[in-house]
Amino acid sequence: MRGLGPRSREQLAALGIHDLDQLRQHDAYALYAKLKARWPGASLNLLYALMGAQEDRDWRDIARERRSEALLHLDALGLAPR
């Protein structure tokens, strides 16, 4: 799972997600919300990494290209960073 480090993979495994196919079955925002609820220190970079892994792209490209979209979506979910 491109762009996801050992800790992120451990956190995903705790939610029952062990491979890319399983990751792609989930909405990245909903998954980030679950991870953030369980690990409040989860950063916005984790969301970008989840999206990047699902799309087989570098998380930094996702962050650069879709930051505004991501922040607006997170705001609608009540998860926007303060």
N, C-alpha and C. Protein backbone atom coordinates (compact mmCIF):
# COMPACT_ATOMS: atom_id res chain seq x y z
N MET A 1 0.85 -1.16 0.00
CA MET A 1 0.00 0.00 0.00
C MET A 1 0.90 1.23 0.00
N ARG A 2 1.06 1.75 -1.18
CA ARG A 2 1.98 2.86 -1.42
C ARG A 2 1.72 4.04 -0.48
N GLY A 3 2.79 4.53 0.12
CA GLY A 3 2.73 5.74 0.93
C GLY A 3 2.29 5.53 2.36
N LEU A 4 1.92 4.31 2.73
CA LEU A 4 1.50 4.04 4.09
C LEU A 4 2.63 3.35 4.84
N GLY A 5 3.06 3.97 5.91
CA GLY A 5 4.15 3.42 6.71
C GLY A 5 3.67 2.34 7.66
N PRO A 6 4.62 1.78 8.42
CA PRO A 6 4.29 0.67 9.33
C PRO A 6 3.20 1.02 10.35
N ARG A 7 3.25 2.22 10.91
CA ARG A 7 2.25 2.58 11.91
C ARG A 7 0.86 2.70 11.28
N SER A 8 0.79 3.32 10.13
CA SER A 8 -0.50 3.44 9.44
C SER A 8 -1.05 2.07 9.09
N ARG A 9 -0.18 1.19 8.64
CA ARG A 9 -0.61 -0.17 8.31
C ARG A 9 -1.11 -0.92 9.54
N GLU A 10 -0.44 -0.70 10.67
CA GLU A 10 -0.89 -1.32 11.92
C GLU A 10 -2.27 -0.81 12.31
N GLN A 11 -2.47 0.49 12.17
CA GLN A 11 -3.76 1.08 12.51
C GLN A 11 -4.86 0.54 11.60
N LEU A 12 -4.56 0.42 10.32
CA LEU A 12 -5.53 -0.14 9.38
C LEU A 12 -5.82 -1.60 9.72
N ALA A 13 -4.79 -2.35 10.06
CA ALA A 13 -4.97 -3.76 10.42
C ALA A 13 -5.88 -3.89 11.64
N ALA A 14 -5.77 -2.95 12.57
CA ALA A 14 -6.64 -2.97 13.75
C ALA A 14 -8.10 -2.78 13.37
N LEU A 15 -8.34 -2.18 12.19
CA LEU A 15 -9.70 -2.01 11.69
C LEU A 15 -10.09 -3.11 10.70
N GLY A 16 -9.20 -4.10 10.54
CA GLY A 16 -9.49 -5.23 9.66
C GLY A 16 -9.09 -5.03 8.22
N ILE A 17 -8.26 -4.04 7.96
CA ILE A 17 -7.82 -3.76 6.58
C ILE A 17 -6.35 -4.16 6.47
N HIS A 18 -6.10 -5.17 5.65
CA HIS A 18 -4.77 -5.75 5.57
C HIS A 18 -4.12 -5.63 4.19
N ASP A 19 -4.88 -5.25 3.18
CA ASP A 19 -4.29 -5.16 1.85
C ASP A 19 -4.99 -4.07 1.03
N LEU A 20 -4.45 -3.82 -0.14
CA LEU A 20 -4.94 -2.74 -0.99
C LEU A 20 -6.39 -2.97 -1.43
N ASP A 21 -6.74 -4.20 -1.75
CA ASP A 21 -8.12 -4.47 -2.16
C ASP A 21 -9.11 -4.10 -1.06
N GLN A 22 -8.77 -4.46 0.17
CA GLN A 22 -9.63 -4.10 1.29
C GLN A 22 -9.68 -2.59 1.49
N LEU A 23 -8.54 -1.94 1.33
CA LEU A 23 -8.48 -0.48 1.48
C LEU A 23 -9.37 0.20 0.45
N ARG A 24 -9.34 -0.28 -0.75
CA ARG A 24 -10.12 0.34 -1.83
C ARG A 24 -11.63 0.15 -1.67
N GLN A 25 -12.03 -0.74 -0.80
CA GLN A 25 -13.46 -0.96 -0.55
C GLN A 25 -14.05 0.10 0.38
N HIS A 26 -13.21 0.96 0.91
CA HIS A 26 -13.65 1.97 1.88
C HIS A 26 -13.50 3.37 1.31
N ASP A 27 -14.40 4.24 1.73
CA ASP A 27 -14.28 5.66 1.43
C ASP A 27 -13.14 6.20 2.29
N ALA A 28 -12.21 6.92 1.69
CA ALA A 28 -11.04 7.41 2.42
C ALA A 28 -11.44 8.34 3.57
N TYR A 29 -12.44 9.17 3.35
CA TYR A 29 -12.87 10.10 4.41
C TYR A 29 -13.51 9.36 5.58
N ALA A 30 -14.34 8.39 5.29
CA ALA A 30 -14.97 7.60 6.35
C ALA A 30 -13.92 6.81 7.13
N LEU A 31 -12.97 6.27 6.41
CA LEU A 31 -11.89 5.52 7.04
C LEU A 31 -11.04 6.44 7.91
N TYR A 32 -10.72 7.62 7.40
CA TYR A 32 -9.96 8.59 8.18
C TYR A 32 -10.72 8.95 9.46
N ALA A 33 -12.02 9.13 9.37
CA ALA A 33 -12.84 9.46 10.54
C ALA A 33 -12.74 8.35 11.59
N LYS A 34 -12.78 7.10 11.15
CA LYS A 34 -12.66 5.97 12.09
C LYS A 34 -11.28 5.96 12.74
N LEU A 35 -10.25 6.19 11.92
CA LEU A 35 -8.89 6.20 12.45
C LEU A 35 -8.69 7.36 13.41
N LYS A 36 -9.21 8.51 13.05
CA LYS A 36 -9.08 9.71 13.89
C LYS A 36 -9.81 9.52 15.22
N ALA A 37 -10.95 8.86 15.20
CA ALA A 37 -11.70 8.60 16.44
C ALA A 37 -10.91 7.67 17.36
N ARG A 38 -10.22 6.73 16.76
CA ARG A 38 -9.49 5.75 17.57
C ARG A 38 -8.11 6.27 17.97
N TRP A 39 -7.49 7.05 17.08
CA TRP A 39 -6.17 7.63 17.32
C TRP A 39 -6.26 9.13 17.04
N PRO A 40 -6.66 9.91 18.03
CA PRO A 40 -6.90 11.35 17.82
C PRO A 40 -5.71 12.12 17.25
N GLY A 41 -4.53 11.60 17.41
CA GLY A 41 -3.34 12.27 16.88
C GLY A 41 -3.12 12.08 15.39
N ALA A 42 -4.01 11.35 14.74
CA ALA A 42 -3.86 11.11 13.29
C ALA A 42 -3.88 12.45 12.56
N SER A 43 -2.91 12.62 11.68
CA SER A 43 -2.77 13.91 10.98
C SER A 43 -3.49 13.89 9.64
N LEU A 44 -3.60 15.06 9.08
CA LEU A 44 -4.19 15.22 7.76
C LEU A 44 -3.38 14.45 6.71
N ASN A 45 -2.10 14.32 6.96
CA ASN A 45 -1.27 13.55 6.02
C ASN A 45 -1.73 12.10 5.90
N LEU A 46 -2.32 11.57 6.97
CA LEU A 46 -2.85 10.21 6.89
C LEU A 46 -3.98 10.13 5.87
N LEU A 47 -4.85 11.12 5.86
CA LEU A 47 -5.92 11.14 4.86
C LEU A 47 -5.32 11.16 3.46
N TYR A 48 -4.35 12.03 3.25
CA TYR A 48 -3.70 12.10 1.93
C TYR A 48 -3.05 10.76 1.57
N ALA A 49 -2.44 10.11 2.55
CA ALA A 49 -1.80 8.81 2.30
C ALA A 49 -2.84 7.75 1.96
N LEU A 50 -3.99 7.78 2.64
CA LEU A 50 -5.05 6.82 2.32
C LEU A 50 -5.53 7.02 0.89
N MET A 51 -5.77 8.26 0.53
CA MET A 51 -6.23 8.57 -0.83
C MET A 51 -5.16 8.18 -1.86
N GLY A 52 -3.93 8.49 -1.55
CA GLY A 52 -2.83 8.15 -2.46
C GLY A 52 -2.69 6.66 -2.64
N ALA A 53 -2.79 5.91 -1.54
CA ALA A 53 -2.68 4.46 -1.63
C ALA A 53 -3.81 3.88 -2.48
N GLN A 54 -5.02 4.39 -2.27
CA GLN A 54 -6.15 3.90 -3.05
C GLN A 54 -5.97 4.16 -4.54
N GLU A 55 -5.33 5.27 -4.87
CA GLU A 55 -5.16 5.67 -6.27
C GLU A 55 -3.78 5.35 -6.82
N ASP A 56 -2.93 4.71 -6.01
CA ASP A 56 -1.55 4.40 -6.38
C ASP A 56 -0.80 5.66 -6.81
N ARG A 57 -0.93 6.68 -5.96
CA ARG A 57 -0.25 7.96 -6.21
C ARG A 57 0.48 8.39 -4.95
N ASP A 58 1.45 9.26 -5.11
CA ASP A 58 2.19 9.79 -3.98
C ASP A 58 1.28 10.70 -3.16
N TRP A 59 1.30 10.53 -1.84
CA TRP A 59 0.42 11.31 -0.97
C TRP A 59 0.69 12.80 -1.08
N ARG A 60 1.94 13.18 -1.40
CA ARG A 60 2.27 14.60 -1.52
C ARG A 60 1.58 15.23 -2.72
N ASP A 61 1.40 14.44 -3.79
CA ASP A 61 0.65 14.94 -4.95
C ASP A 61 -0.81 15.15 -4.59
N ILE A 62 -1.36 14.21 -3.82
CA ILE A 62 -2.75 14.34 -3.37
C ILE A 62 -2.88 15.60 -2.52
N ALA A 63 -1.96 15.78 -1.59
CA ALA A 63 -2.01 16.95 -0.70
C ALA A 63 -1.95 18.25 -1.49
N ARG A 64 -1.11 18.29 -2.46
CA ARG A 64 -0.92 19.51 -3.26
C ARG A 64 -2.14 19.79 -4.14
N GLU A 65 -2.67 18.76 -4.76
CA GLU A 65 -3.75 18.92 -5.73
C GLU A 65 -5.15 18.98 -5.12
N ARG A 66 -5.32 18.34 -3.97
CA ARG A 66 -6.69 18.19 -3.45
C ARG A 66 -6.86 18.69 -2.02
N ARG A 67 -5.95 19.52 -1.56
CA ARG A 67 -6.00 20.02 -0.19
C ARG A 67 -7.32 20.75 0.10
N SER A 68 -7.70 21.67 -0.76
CA SER A 68 -8.94 22.43 -0.53
C SER A 68 -10.15 21.51 -0.49
N GLU A 69 -10.22 20.61 -1.44
CA GLU A 69 -11.33 19.64 -1.48
C GLU A 69 -11.37 18.82 -0.19
N ALA A 70 -10.21 18.35 0.25
CA ALA A 70 -10.15 17.53 1.45
C ALA A 70 -10.58 18.33 2.68
N LEU A 71 -10.11 19.56 2.80
CA LEU A 71 -10.47 20.37 3.96
C LEU A 71 -11.96 20.68 4.00
N LEU A 72 -12.54 20.96 2.84
CA LEU A 72 -13.97 21.22 2.79
C LEU A 72 -14.77 19.98 3.19
N HIS A 73 -14.34 18.84 2.70
CA HIS A 73 -15.04 17.58 3.03
C HIS A 73 -14.90 17.29 4.52
N LEU A 74 -13.71 17.47 5.06
CA LEU A 74 -13.51 17.24 6.49
C LEU A 74 -14.32 18.22 7.33
N ASP A 75 -14.43 19.44 6.86
CA ASP A 75 -15.23 20.43 7.58
C ASP A 75 -16.69 19.98 7.64
N ALA A 76 -17.19 19.46 6.55
CA ALA A 76 -18.57 18.97 6.50
C ALA A 76 -18.77 17.80 7.47
N LEU A 77 -17.71 17.04 7.71
CA LEU A 77 -17.77 15.91 8.64
C LEU A 77 -17.47 16.32 10.08
N GLY A 78 -17.11 17.59 10.26
CA GLY A 78 -16.75 18.06 11.59
C GLY A 78 -15.35 17.64 12.02
N LEU A 79 -14.51 17.34 11.04
CA LEU A 79 -13.16 16.84 11.33
C LEU A 79 -12.05 17.77 10.83
N ALA A 80 -12.41 18.96 10.38
CA ALA A 80 -11.40 19.88 9.84
C ALA A 80 -10.41 20.25 10.94
N PRO A 81 -9.14 20.30 10.60
CA PRO A 81 -8.14 20.72 11.60
C PRO A 81 -8.39 22.17 12.02
N ARG A 82 -8.10 22.47 13.25
CA ARG A 82 -8.33 23.82 13.78
C ARG A 82 -7.08 24.66 13.68
